[in-house]
Amino acid sequence: MTNQEERKMRQFQKIVDECQMGEVEGQPVDLSSANVVLQVYKALNESNKEKFLKEEPTAMCKIAWRVILRAKA
């Protein structure tokens, strides 16, 4: 994981820790989306984590929501 990728995940974690909307790489992210991104990231295997981290924050949120909603269906 590169420094930029680590910083991105720390920004998602900060949003969850502070329980409020924040920004990840300058893009607004709400609390629910940040939480879903962290849950999905933790469940991925190493090769998929690398691919996931290369996405933009908005794409990460969309992917994570898709995964969560399919899992509940």
N, C-alpha and C. Protein backbone atom coordinates (compact mmCIF):
# COMPACT_ATOMS: atom_id res chain seq x y z
N MET A 1 0.85 -1.17 0.00
CA MET A 1 0.00 0.00 0.00
C MET A 1 0.90 1.24 0.00
N THR A 2 0.63 2.15 -0.92
CA THR A 2 1.44 3.37 -1.00
C THR A 2 0.97 4.38 0.05
N ASN A 3 1.76 5.43 0.22
CA ASN A 3 1.39 6.47 1.18
C ASN A 3 0.06 7.12 0.82
N GLN A 4 -0.16 7.34 -0.48
CA GLN A 4 -1.41 7.96 -0.93
C GLN A 4 -2.60 7.06 -0.60
N GLU A 5 -2.44 5.76 -0.81
CA GLU A 5 -3.52 4.81 -0.51
C GLU A 5 -3.78 4.74 0.99
N GLU A 6 -2.70 4.75 1.78
CA GLU A 6 -2.85 4.75 3.24
C GLU A 6 -3.58 6.00 3.70
N ARG A 7 -3.22 7.14 3.11
CA ARG A 7 -3.85 8.41 3.46
C ARG A 7 -5.34 8.37 3.13
N LYS A 8 -5.67 7.78 1.98
CA LYS A 8 -7.07 7.68 1.56
C LYS A 8 -7.88 6.87 2.57
N MET A 9 -7.34 5.73 3.01
CA MET A 9 -8.05 4.90 3.98
C MET A 9 -8.14 5.59 5.34
N ARG A 10 -7.11 6.33 5.72
CA ARG A 10 -7.16 7.09 6.98
C ARG A 10 -8.25 8.16 6.93
N GLN A 11 -8.42 8.77 5.74
CA GLN A 11 -9.47 9.79 5.60
C GLN A 11 -10.86 9.16 5.74
N PHE A 12 -11.06 7.98 5.15
CA PHE A 12 -12.33 7.28 5.33
C PHE A 12 -12.54 6.95 6.80
N GLN A 13 -11.50 6.46 7.48
CA GLN A 13 -11.60 6.11 8.89
C GLN A 13 -11.89 7.33 9.75
N LYS A 14 -11.30 8.47 9.41
CA LYS A 14 -11.53 9.70 10.16
C LYS A 14 -12.99 10.13 10.08
N ILE A 15 -13.59 9.99 8.90
CA ILE A 15 -15.01 10.33 8.74
C ILE A 15 -15.86 9.47 9.67
N VAL A 16 -15.56 8.18 9.72
CA VAL A 16 -16.31 7.26 10.58
C VAL A 16 -16.06 7.59 12.06
N ASP A 17 -14.82 7.82 12.42
CA ASP A 17 -14.49 8.11 13.81
C ASP A 17 -15.16 9.39 14.31
N GLU A 18 -15.24 10.40 13.43
CA GLU A 18 -15.83 11.68 13.82
C GLU A 18 -17.34 11.73 13.62
N CYS A 19 -17.90 10.68 13.02
CA CYS A 19 -19.35 10.59 12.80
C CYS A 19 -19.92 11.79 12.06
N GLN A 20 -19.19 12.24 11.05
CA GLN A 20 -19.68 13.35 10.25
C GLN A 20 -19.11 13.30 8.85
N MET A 21 -19.76 14.02 7.95
CA MET A 21 -19.32 14.06 6.57
C MET A 21 -17.92 14.66 6.49
N GLY A 22 -17.16 14.21 5.50
CA GLY A 22 -15.82 14.73 5.32
C GLY A 22 -15.40 14.64 3.87
N GLU A 23 -14.12 14.82 3.64
CA GLU A 23 -13.59 14.77 2.28
C GLU A 23 -12.48 13.73 2.20
N VAL A 24 -12.46 13.01 1.08
CA VAL A 24 -11.40 12.08 0.78
C VAL A 24 -10.82 12.51 -0.57
N GLU A 25 -9.58 12.91 -0.55
CA GLU A 25 -8.91 13.43 -1.75
C GLU A 25 -9.72 14.56 -2.38
N GLY A 26 -10.29 15.43 -1.54
CA GLY A 26 -11.02 16.58 -2.01
C GLY A 26 -12.44 16.31 -2.46
N GLN A 27 -12.90 15.07 -2.37
CA GLN A 27 -14.26 14.72 -2.78
C GLN A 27 -15.10 14.45 -1.54
N PRO A 28 -16.31 15.04 -1.47
CA PRO A 28 -17.15 14.85 -0.28
C PRO A 28 -17.62 13.41 -0.14
N VAL A 29 -17.58 12.91 1.09
CA VAL A 29 -18.02 11.55 1.40
C VAL A 29 -18.83 11.60 2.70
N ASP A 30 -20.02 10.97 2.66
CA ASP A 30 -20.86 10.96 3.86
C ASP A 30 -20.45 9.80 4.78
N LEU A 31 -20.94 9.84 5.99
CA LEU A 31 -20.59 8.86 7.02
C LEU A 31 -20.96 7.43 6.60
N SER A 32 -22.16 7.25 6.08
CA SER A 32 -22.60 5.90 5.70
C SER A 32 -21.72 5.30 4.61
N SER A 33 -21.39 6.10 3.61
CA SER A 33 -20.55 5.61 2.52
C SER A 33 -19.15 5.28 3.01
N ALA A 34 -18.60 6.12 3.88
CA ALA A 34 -17.27 5.85 4.42
C ALA A 34 -17.27 4.54 5.20
N ASN A 35 -18.31 4.31 5.98
CA ASN A 35 -18.42 3.08 6.76
C ASN A 35 -18.50 1.86 5.85
N VAL A 36 -19.30 1.95 4.78
CA VAL A 36 -19.45 0.84 3.85
C VAL A 36 -18.13 0.56 3.13
N VAL A 37 -17.41 1.60 2.75
CA VAL A 37 -16.11 1.41 2.09
C VAL A 37 -15.16 0.65 3.01
N LEU A 38 -15.12 1.02 4.28
CA LEU A 38 -14.22 0.35 5.22
C LEU A 38 -14.62 -1.11 5.43
N GLN A 39 -15.92 -1.39 5.52
CA GLN A 39 -16.39 -2.76 5.70
C GLN A 39 -16.01 -3.63 4.51
N VAL A 40 -16.25 -3.12 3.31
CA VAL A 40 -15.94 -3.89 2.10
C VAL A 40 -14.43 -4.08 1.98
N TYR A 41 -13.66 -3.03 2.25
CA TYR A 41 -12.21 -3.12 2.16
C TYR A 41 -11.66 -4.22 3.08
N LYS A 42 -12.16 -4.28 4.29
CA LYS A 42 -11.69 -5.28 5.26
C LYS A 42 -12.03 -6.70 4.81
N ALA A 43 -13.10 -6.86 4.04
CA ALA A 43 -13.53 -8.19 3.61
C ALA A 43 -12.82 -8.68 2.34
N LEU A 44 -12.13 -7.78 1.64
CA LEU A 44 -11.48 -8.16 0.38
C LEU A 44 -10.18 -8.94 0.61
N ASN A 45 -9.82 -9.77 -0.38
CA ASN A 45 -8.51 -10.41 -0.32
C ASN A 45 -7.45 -9.40 -0.78
N GLU A 46 -6.20 -9.75 -0.65
CA GLU A 46 -5.11 -8.80 -0.90
C GLU A 46 -5.10 -8.26 -2.34
N SER A 47 -5.30 -9.12 -3.33
CA SER A 47 -5.24 -8.64 -4.71
C SER A 47 -6.40 -7.70 -5.02
N ASN A 48 -7.58 -7.98 -4.46
CA ASN A 48 -8.72 -7.10 -4.68
C ASN A 48 -8.59 -5.80 -3.88
N LYS A 49 -7.92 -5.85 -2.73
CA LYS A 49 -7.67 -4.62 -1.97
C LYS A 49 -6.84 -3.66 -2.80
N GLU A 50 -5.80 -4.18 -3.47
CA GLU A 50 -4.94 -3.34 -4.30
C GLU A 50 -5.73 -2.68 -5.42
N LYS A 51 -6.60 -3.43 -6.08
CA LYS A 51 -7.43 -2.88 -7.15
C LYS A 51 -8.40 -1.83 -6.61
N PHE A 52 -9.01 -2.13 -5.47
CA PHE A 52 -9.98 -1.23 -4.85
C PHE A 52 -9.34 0.10 -4.48
N LEU A 53 -8.13 0.04 -3.95
CA LEU A 53 -7.44 1.26 -3.52
C LEU A 53 -7.04 2.16 -4.68
N LYS A 54 -6.93 1.62 -5.87
CA LYS A 54 -6.54 2.42 -7.03
C LYS A 54 -7.69 3.24 -7.58
N GLU A 55 -8.92 2.96 -7.13
CA GLU A 55 -10.09 3.69 -7.59
C GLU A 55 -10.18 5.07 -6.93
N GLU A 56 -10.90 5.96 -7.58
CA GLU A 56 -11.20 7.27 -7.00
C GLU A 56 -12.18 7.06 -5.83
N PRO A 57 -12.21 7.98 -4.87
CA PRO A 57 -13.11 7.82 -3.73
C PRO A 57 -14.58 7.63 -4.11
N THR A 58 -15.06 8.36 -5.11
CA THR A 58 -16.46 8.20 -5.50
C THR A 58 -16.71 6.82 -6.09
N ALA A 59 -15.77 6.32 -6.85
CA ALA A 59 -15.90 4.96 -7.42
C ALA A 59 -15.85 3.92 -6.31
N MET A 60 -15.00 4.14 -5.31
CA MET A 60 -14.92 3.21 -4.18
C MET A 60 -16.27 3.14 -3.46
N CYS A 61 -16.92 4.29 -3.29
CA CYS A 61 -18.22 4.32 -2.63
C CYS A 61 -19.27 3.57 -3.45
N LYS A 62 -19.28 3.81 -4.75
CA LYS A 62 -20.26 3.13 -5.61
C LYS A 62 -20.06 1.63 -5.59
N ILE A 63 -18.82 1.19 -5.70
CA ILE A 63 -18.52 -0.24 -5.68
C ILE A 63 -18.93 -0.85 -4.34
N ALA A 64 -18.58 -0.19 -3.25
CA ALA A 64 -18.89 -0.70 -1.92
C ALA A 64 -20.39 -0.82 -1.71
N TRP A 65 -21.15 0.19 -2.13
CA TRP A 65 -22.60 0.12 -1.97
C TRP A 65 -23.18 -1.03 -2.81
N ARG A 66 -22.66 -1.21 -4.01
CA ARG A 66 -23.13 -2.31 -4.86
C ARG A 66 -22.91 -3.65 -4.18
N VAL A 67 -21.74 -3.82 -3.61
CA VAL A 67 -21.40 -5.08 -2.93
C VAL A 67 -22.33 -5.30 -1.73
N ILE A 68 -22.52 -4.29 -0.92
CA ILE A 68 -23.36 -4.39 0.29
C ILE A 68 -24.81 -4.69 -0.09
N LEU A 69 -25.33 -3.99 -1.08
CA LEU A 69 -26.73 -4.20 -1.47
C LEU A 69 -26.95 -5.58 -2.07
N ARG A 70 -25.99 -6.09 -2.81
CA ARG A 70 -26.11 -7.46 -3.36
C ARG A 70 -26.04 -8.49 -2.25
N ALA A 71 -25.24 -8.23 -1.24
CA ALA A 71 -25.10 -9.19 -0.14
C ALA A 71 -26.39 -9.28 0.67
N LYS A 72 -27.13 -8.19 0.74
CA LYS A 72 -28.38 -8.19 1.50
C LYS A 72 -29.55 -8.75 0.72
N ALA A 73 -29.41 -8.82 -0.59
CA ALA A 73 -30.53 -9.29 -1.43
C ALA A 73 -30.70 -10.79 -1.35
